Amino acid sequence: MTISFSLDAKPKLAKLLLNVTIQWSLKAVKIVMAEENIVNDLIIASVRQYSKEGRQPILKSTDTSLFDLHCPQFSFETKLNVVESDTHKRQIKL
């Protein structure tokens, strides 16, 4: 059995399983995304999945420009939280 590798071959892109908690929600939304996606893509997918599953509490708006992504400072595991914002700015707080 012979295994050969080519240096010219492009590696397959990895997909990530992300758990995102919407503010005031009890359980995280599971999102599978490609590694090259940006924060805005994650927010859009999270809000869309949350609404699709009919989660509680119901979101006041599904306009993704009204949401920010936050990473809590004190946690034993990395969690991403999507929270409604008063501004239209996008920020990642680490």
N, C-alpha and C. Protein backbone atom coordinates (compact mmCIF):
# COMPACT_ATOMS: atom_id res chain seq x y z
N MET A 1 0.86 -1.17 0.00
CA MET A 1 0.00 0.00 0.00
C MET A 1 0.90 1.22 0.00
N THR A 2 0.67 2.13 -0.94
CA THR A 2 1.48 3.33 -1.05
C THR A 2 0.60 4.55 -0.85
N ILE A 3 1.07 5.46 0.01
CA ILE A 3 0.36 6.72 0.25
C ILE A 3 1.25 7.83 -0.25
N SER A 4 0.72 8.67 -1.09
CA SER A 4 1.51 9.78 -1.60
C SER A 4 0.78 11.09 -1.35
N PHE A 5 1.55 12.12 -1.11
CA PHE A 5 1.00 13.44 -0.86
C PHE A 5 1.56 14.41 -1.89
N SER A 6 0.74 15.30 -2.32
CA SER A 6 1.19 16.32 -3.25
C SER A 6 1.24 17.65 -2.52
N LEU A 7 2.33 18.36 -2.67
CA LEU A 7 2.47 19.66 -2.03
C LEU A 7 1.59 20.71 -2.71
N ASP A 8 1.20 20.45 -3.92
CA ASP A 8 0.37 21.40 -4.67
C ASP A 8 -1.11 21.27 -4.32
N ALA A 9 -1.50 20.18 -3.72
CA ALA A 9 -2.90 19.94 -3.41
C ALA A 9 -3.35 20.90 -2.30
N LYS A 10 -4.51 21.50 -2.52
CA LYS A 10 -5.05 22.40 -1.51
C LYS A 10 -5.77 21.58 -0.45
N PRO A 11 -5.55 21.92 0.83
CA PRO A 11 -6.25 21.18 1.88
C PRO A 11 -7.74 21.51 1.89
N LYS A 12 -8.54 20.57 2.31
CA LYS A 12 -9.97 20.81 2.40
C LYS A 12 -10.23 21.82 3.52
N LEU A 13 -11.20 22.66 3.29
CA LEU A 13 -11.55 23.66 4.29
C LEU A 13 -12.28 22.99 5.45
N ALA A 14 -11.93 23.40 6.64
CA ALA A 14 -12.54 22.83 7.83
C ALA A 14 -13.87 23.51 8.12
N LYS A 15 -14.76 22.76 8.71
CA LYS A 15 -16.02 23.32 9.18
C LYS A 15 -15.98 23.29 10.70
N LEU A 16 -16.58 24.29 11.31
CA LEU A 16 -16.58 24.41 12.76
C LEU A 16 -17.99 24.27 13.29
N LEU A 17 -18.13 23.57 14.41
CA LEU A 17 -19.40 23.50 15.12
C LEU A 17 -19.33 24.53 16.24
N LEU A 18 -20.19 25.53 16.16
CA LEU A 18 -20.18 26.62 17.13
C LEU A 18 -21.47 26.61 17.94
N ASN A 19 -21.35 26.81 19.23
CA ASN A 19 -22.51 26.96 20.10
C ASN A 19 -22.65 28.44 20.42
N VAL A 20 -23.76 29.02 20.02
CA VAL A 20 -23.99 30.45 20.21
C VAL A 20 -25.24 30.62 21.06
N THR A 21 -25.11 31.41 22.12
CA THR A 21 -26.24 31.68 23.00
C THR A 21 -26.80 33.05 22.69
N ILE A 22 -28.09 33.10 22.40
CA ILE A 22 -28.77 34.38 22.20
C ILE A 22 -29.13 34.90 23.60
N GLN A 23 -28.95 36.20 23.80
CA GLN A 23 -29.19 36.79 25.11
C GLN A 23 -30.57 36.41 25.65
N TRP A 24 -30.63 35.98 26.89
CA TRP A 24 -31.81 35.55 27.65
C TRP A 24 -32.31 34.17 27.27
N SER A 25 -31.68 33.51 26.32
CA SER A 25 -32.09 32.18 25.93
C SER A 25 -31.45 31.15 26.86
N LEU A 26 -32.12 30.03 27.07
CA LEU A 26 -31.59 29.01 27.99
C LEU A 26 -30.56 28.10 27.34
N LYS A 27 -30.72 27.80 26.07
CA LYS A 27 -29.82 26.87 25.39
C LYS A 27 -29.14 27.53 24.21
N ALA A 28 -27.97 27.01 23.89
CA ALA A 28 -27.21 27.54 22.76
C ALA A 28 -27.78 27.01 21.44
N VAL A 29 -27.63 27.80 20.41
CA VAL A 29 -27.96 27.42 19.05
C VAL A 29 -26.70 26.82 18.44
N LYS A 30 -26.81 25.68 17.81
CA LYS A 30 -25.65 25.03 17.18
C LYS A 30 -25.58 25.44 15.72
N ILE A 31 -24.41 25.95 15.35
CA ILE A 31 -24.19 26.43 13.99
C ILE A 31 -22.96 25.75 13.42
N VAL A 32 -23.07 25.22 12.20
CA VAL A 32 -21.91 24.66 11.50
C VAL A 32 -21.53 25.66 10.42
N MET A 33 -20.29 26.13 10.49
CA MET A 33 -19.82 27.15 9.54
C MET A 33 -18.43 26.81 9.04
N ALA A 34 -18.14 27.30 7.87
CA ALA A 34 -16.79 27.14 7.32
C ALA A 34 -15.83 28.07 8.06
N GLU A 35 -14.60 27.67 8.09
CA GLU A 35 -13.56 28.39 8.81
C GLU A 35 -13.36 29.82 8.28
N GLU A 36 -13.60 30.03 7.01
CA GLU A 36 -13.33 31.33 6.41
C GLU A 36 -14.46 32.34 6.58
N ASN A 37 -15.58 31.95 7.20
CA ASN A 37 -16.69 32.87 7.42
C ASN A 37 -16.28 33.98 8.39
N ILE A 38 -16.97 35.10 8.28
CA ILE A 38 -16.68 36.24 9.15
C ILE A 38 -17.74 36.34 10.25
N VAL A 39 -17.51 37.24 11.19
CA VAL A 39 -18.40 37.40 12.33
C VAL A 39 -19.82 37.70 11.90
N ASN A 40 -19.98 38.56 10.91
CA ASN A 40 -21.31 38.90 10.44
C ASN A 40 -22.07 37.67 9.95
N ASP A 41 -21.38 36.74 9.29
CA ASP A 41 -22.00 35.50 8.83
C ASP A 41 -22.50 34.67 10.01
N LEU A 42 -21.72 34.65 11.08
CA LEU A 42 -22.10 33.90 12.28
C LEU A 42 -23.34 34.51 12.94
N ILE A 43 -23.39 35.82 13.02
CA ILE A 43 -24.55 36.49 13.61
C ILE A 43 -25.80 36.21 12.77
N ILE A 44 -25.69 36.33 11.47
CA ILE A 44 -26.83 36.08 10.57
C ILE A 44 -27.32 34.64 10.73
N ALA A 45 -26.40 33.68 10.71
CA ALA A 45 -26.79 32.27 10.85
C ALA A 45 -27.41 31.98 12.21
N SER A 46 -26.89 32.59 13.26
CA SER A 46 -27.40 32.36 14.62
C SER A 46 -28.80 32.89 14.79
N VAL A 47 -29.04 34.12 14.35
CA VAL A 47 -30.37 34.73 14.47
C VAL A 47 -31.37 33.97 13.61
N ARG A 48 -30.96 33.58 12.41
CA ARG A 48 -31.84 32.82 11.51
C ARG A 48 -32.22 31.48 12.13
N GLN A 49 -31.24 30.75 12.68
CA GLN A 49 -31.50 29.44 13.28
C GLN A 49 -32.37 29.56 14.53
N TYR A 50 -32.11 30.56 15.35
CA TYR A 50 -32.90 30.81 16.56
C TYR A 50 -34.37 31.04 16.20
N SER A 51 -34.60 31.88 15.20
CA SER A 51 -35.97 32.17 14.77
C SER A 51 -36.63 30.95 14.13
N LYS A 52 -35.87 30.22 13.32
CA LYS A 52 -36.38 29.03 12.64
C LYS A 52 -36.85 27.97 13.64
N GLU A 53 -36.10 27.83 14.75
CA GLU A 53 -36.45 26.83 15.76
C GLU A 53 -37.57 27.30 16.68
N GLY A 54 -38.01 28.55 16.55
CA GLY A 54 -39.10 29.06 17.38
C GLY A 54 -38.72 29.18 18.85
N ARG A 55 -37.49 29.55 19.11
CA ARG A 55 -36.99 29.64 20.49
C ARG A 55 -37.67 30.77 21.26
N GLN A 56 -37.61 30.64 22.57
CA GLN A 56 -38.13 31.65 23.48
C GLN A 56 -36.97 32.28 24.24
N PRO A 57 -36.97 33.54 24.57
CA PRO A 57 -37.97 34.54 24.21
C PRO A 57 -37.89 34.91 22.73
N ILE A 58 -39.01 35.32 22.18
CA ILE A 58 -39.08 35.71 20.79
C ILE A 58 -38.30 37.01 20.61
N LEU A 59 -37.50 37.09 19.56
CA LEU A 59 -36.70 38.28 19.31
C LEU A 59 -37.59 39.43 18.86
N LYS A 60 -37.27 40.64 19.34
CA LYS A 60 -38.03 41.82 18.93
C LYS A 60 -37.86 42.09 17.44
N SER A 61 -36.67 41.80 16.94
CA SER A 61 -36.37 42.02 15.53
C SER A 61 -35.38 40.97 15.07
N THR A 62 -35.46 40.60 13.82
CA THR A 62 -34.48 39.67 13.25
C THR A 62 -33.50 40.41 12.34
N ASP A 63 -33.49 41.74 12.44
CA ASP A 63 -32.54 42.55 11.70
C ASP A 63 -31.16 42.34 12.32
N THR A 64 -30.29 41.65 11.61
CA THR A 64 -28.99 41.27 12.18
C THR A 64 -28.06 42.45 12.42
N SER A 65 -28.35 43.60 11.85
CA SER A 65 -27.52 44.78 12.13
C SER A 65 -27.74 45.29 13.55
N LEU A 66 -28.76 44.78 14.23
CA LEU A 66 -29.06 45.19 15.60
C LEU A 66 -28.42 44.27 16.64
N PHE A 67 -27.57 43.32 16.20
CA PHE A 67 -26.96 42.36 17.11
C PHE A 67 -25.45 42.49 17.12
N ASP A 68 -24.85 42.17 18.25
CA ASP A 68 -23.40 42.14 18.41
C ASP A 68 -23.00 40.76 18.90
N LEU A 69 -21.74 40.42 18.71
CA LEU A 69 -21.20 39.15 19.19
C LEU A 69 -20.26 39.44 20.35
N HIS A 70 -20.48 38.76 21.47
CA HIS A 70 -19.65 38.95 22.66
C HIS A 70 -19.12 37.61 23.12
N CYS A 71 -17.93 37.61 23.63
CA CYS A 71 -17.34 36.42 24.24
C CYS A 71 -17.17 36.73 25.73
N PRO A 72 -17.82 35.99 26.63
CA PRO A 72 -17.75 36.30 28.06
C PRO A 72 -16.34 36.20 28.60
N GLN A 73 -16.02 37.09 29.53
CA GLN A 73 -14.68 37.12 30.12
C GLN A 73 -14.43 35.96 31.07
N PHE A 74 -15.43 35.58 31.83
CA PHE A 74 -15.24 34.57 32.86
C PHE A 74 -16.06 33.32 32.52
N SER A 75 -15.38 32.34 31.96
CA SER A 75 -16.05 31.11 31.58
C SER A 75 -15.02 29.99 31.51
N PHE A 76 -15.44 28.78 31.86
CA PHE A 76 -14.56 27.62 31.78
C PHE A 76 -14.45 27.09 30.36
N GLU A 77 -15.38 27.46 29.51
CA GLU A 77 -15.33 27.07 28.12
C GLU A 77 -15.65 28.29 27.29
N THR A 78 -15.21 28.28 26.06
CA THR A 78 -15.45 29.42 25.19
C THR A 78 -16.90 29.38 24.72
N LYS A 79 -17.60 30.46 24.99
CA LYS A 79 -18.98 30.58 24.55
C LYS A 79 -19.11 31.88 23.79
N LEU A 80 -19.92 31.87 22.76
CA LEU A 80 -20.19 33.08 22.00
C LEU A 80 -21.63 33.48 22.28
N ASN A 81 -21.81 34.75 22.59
CA ASN A 81 -23.14 35.26 22.89
C ASN A 81 -23.52 36.31 21.87
N VAL A 82 -24.71 36.20 21.32
CA VAL A 82 -25.23 37.23 20.44
C VAL A 82 -26.22 38.04 21.26
N VAL A 83 -25.98 39.34 21.32
CA VAL A 83 -26.84 40.22 22.11
C VAL A 83 -27.38 41.34 21.24
N GLU A 84 -28.59 41.79 21.58
CA GLU A 84 -29.16 42.92 20.86
C GLU A 84 -28.40 44.16 21.26
N SER A 85 -28.09 45.01 20.30
CA SER A 85 -27.35 46.23 20.60
C SER A 85 -28.19 47.45 20.27
N ASP A 86 -27.82 48.56 20.89
CA ASP A 86 -28.51 49.82 20.63
C ASP A 86 -27.90 50.55 19.44
N THR A 87 -26.70 50.16 19.06
CA THR A 87 -26.03 50.82 17.94
C THR A 87 -25.94 49.87 16.76
N HIS A 88 -25.52 50.36 15.65
CA HIS A 88 -25.38 49.54 14.46
C HIS A 88 -23.93 49.11 14.27
N LYS A 89 -23.09 49.27 15.27
CA LYS A 89 -21.69 48.88 15.18
C LYS A 89 -21.55 47.39 15.43
N ARG A 90 -20.54 46.81 14.82
CA ARG A 90 -20.20 45.41 15.04
C ARG A 90 -18.94 45.38 15.89
N GLN A 91 -18.96 44.66 16.98
CA GLN A 91 -17.78 44.55 17.83
C GLN A 91 -17.65 43.13 18.31
N ILE A 92 -16.42 42.70 18.46
CA ILE A 92 -16.14 41.43 19.12
C ILE A 92 -15.44 41.80 20.41
N LYS A 93 -16.02 41.43 21.52
CA LYS A 93 -15.39 41.68 22.81
C LYS A 93 -14.82 40.39 23.32
N LEU A 94 -13.52 40.34 23.47
CA LEU A 94 -12.85 39.14 23.95
C LEU A 94 -12.38 39.34 25.36
